[in-house]
Amino acid sequence: MFLDARKNSQKGDKEMAGKKALNRKKISRKILIILSFLVFSVWFIHQISQIISSSVSTEMAIFGESEDIISAKGYIIRREFLIELDSDPGSAILEVKSGQRICKGGTIAVIYKDANDAFVRKKIKILEDEIKRLKNLSRSRSSFASSPNEISKQICSGIRSISFKANNCRFQEVFSGREKLLELLNERQIVTGKIENFDDKVSQLKKEKEELSKNLNETDLTTVQAPEAGNFVDHLDGFENKFDLELVTSLKPGDLDCIQPEKYPKNKNILGKIVSDASCHVCFCVERDMAEKFNKGMNVSISIPTATSQKIPAEIISINWANKKSGAALVCSCDHIDNDLAKIRGAEINISFNKVDGVKIPRKALCEKEIKKVVNGQEEQKNTTGVFVLYGNKVIFKEVIILSPSEKEYIICKYNPDLDEVFCDNYLKIYDKVVTRGIDLLYDGKIVK
């Protein structure tokens, strides 16, 4: 009996030991599964991160330029001579257009003693201009590249412009707008094929001219000659003799607002004026923080949207402050006067400055890297600004020298800098493929996909 009890006890111990061994195997198997899962997760995450870090976006570096632009109310100051007549200029027929350049002693106008002769000569001149315009249109028919829709847009714009000038009593400018509008209307007829040429119209106008010439007496007339070489302008604004050109560089903020235009008496018989010099001064006022960006001798470009589309080079010759806290009046010297600029006095102007050109890249491509380099046998280290450039499937870090403000979306970097200007052996060049995405995980020489 005692032996049976002992055998049962041993059997229970074996069963207990077997259960413990089985539990240990299960635990070991779970631990192995967990460890395998962790290893696989780490490997998977590593592979994903490699794919993400190896995926980059690029943008080609191209040649570009950048400049700062401000707007201000500008005044054109120039040397001008009034053309006064002994008699009423109503019988004077202009031989030059307003704004046109004329030499000294050149004929500006012809004055007829008989008002009827003056009226006939004016009609003849209108016919001559129309004949010339139609002939030019017929000759240049094959060179028209505008579509009918584009010409129609210009016609609508011209009509609005004429209406605006007429409503604002700018009648002198209405006539020039009318000529341009007629030219567009005739051009559209040719482009749309409604008219082959204007030969019939030209013949009709020539006959009208011949009939009028028979009734014209040109023996009793007087010519008006230009006292100086310059641009003739057929209207006055009252500021012709209000600015002392010797004191123009000392103008301060508020001086221009204090000058009132002169009202010329009707009996003064003024035909117009001659803008004599080929240069002029442009004066404008800006706030103090903006004025501090300029300095004497700086080259700028001035554009006047209401007068001309081209940019006019100028140099700042004077910066005058009213007091320590106020803005400043800037005076620019400009060696350029064309037909349109000669007729403008005060207008909204755009001033362009700090113009630079070079390699244009997106600002987001910039990064900072510590670069080590051996100089004269000693290793030097410098925090360098640059970009990563993609060559095949490899990225290389290249240094840049920023020329334009970095707060803009695109920046301009120096093209082909001197070797003593850069610390890194590589610098940015035109047509490089600049990396714009995935920069943080890159390093010099990394292989990417």
Foldseek 3Di string as FASTA:
>chain_A
DVVVVVVVVVVVVVVVVVVVVVVVVVVVVVVVVVVVVVVVVVVVVVVVVQQVLQDFAWDFWAWDKDWDKDKFKKFWFFAKFFFFDPDACLLWAAPDDALDWDAFFDFGTKGFPDSVLSVLVNLLVVLVVVLVLQVVLLVCLVVDPDALVVLVVVLVVLVVVLVVCVVVVVVSVNVVSVVVNVSSVVSSCSNVVVDNGCPVVSVVSVVVSVVSVVVHDPPGMDTGGHNHTAGWHQDDDQCNPVDDPVCPQADKPPPVVPTDGDDDDPVRNTRTMGRHALKIKMKTKDWAVVLVVDDFQFKKWKDFVVFDDDTFIWGWHHWYYPDDHGITMTMIMTNHRGSRNVHDTIGMMMIIGLMDMAIKDFLLQKDWDWDWDQDPNRIDIDTFIFGWFDDPQWTATAGWAWSDDSVDRMTHTHEPDDPVVDDDPHHDHGRTTTTNPSRVSDDGGDGHD
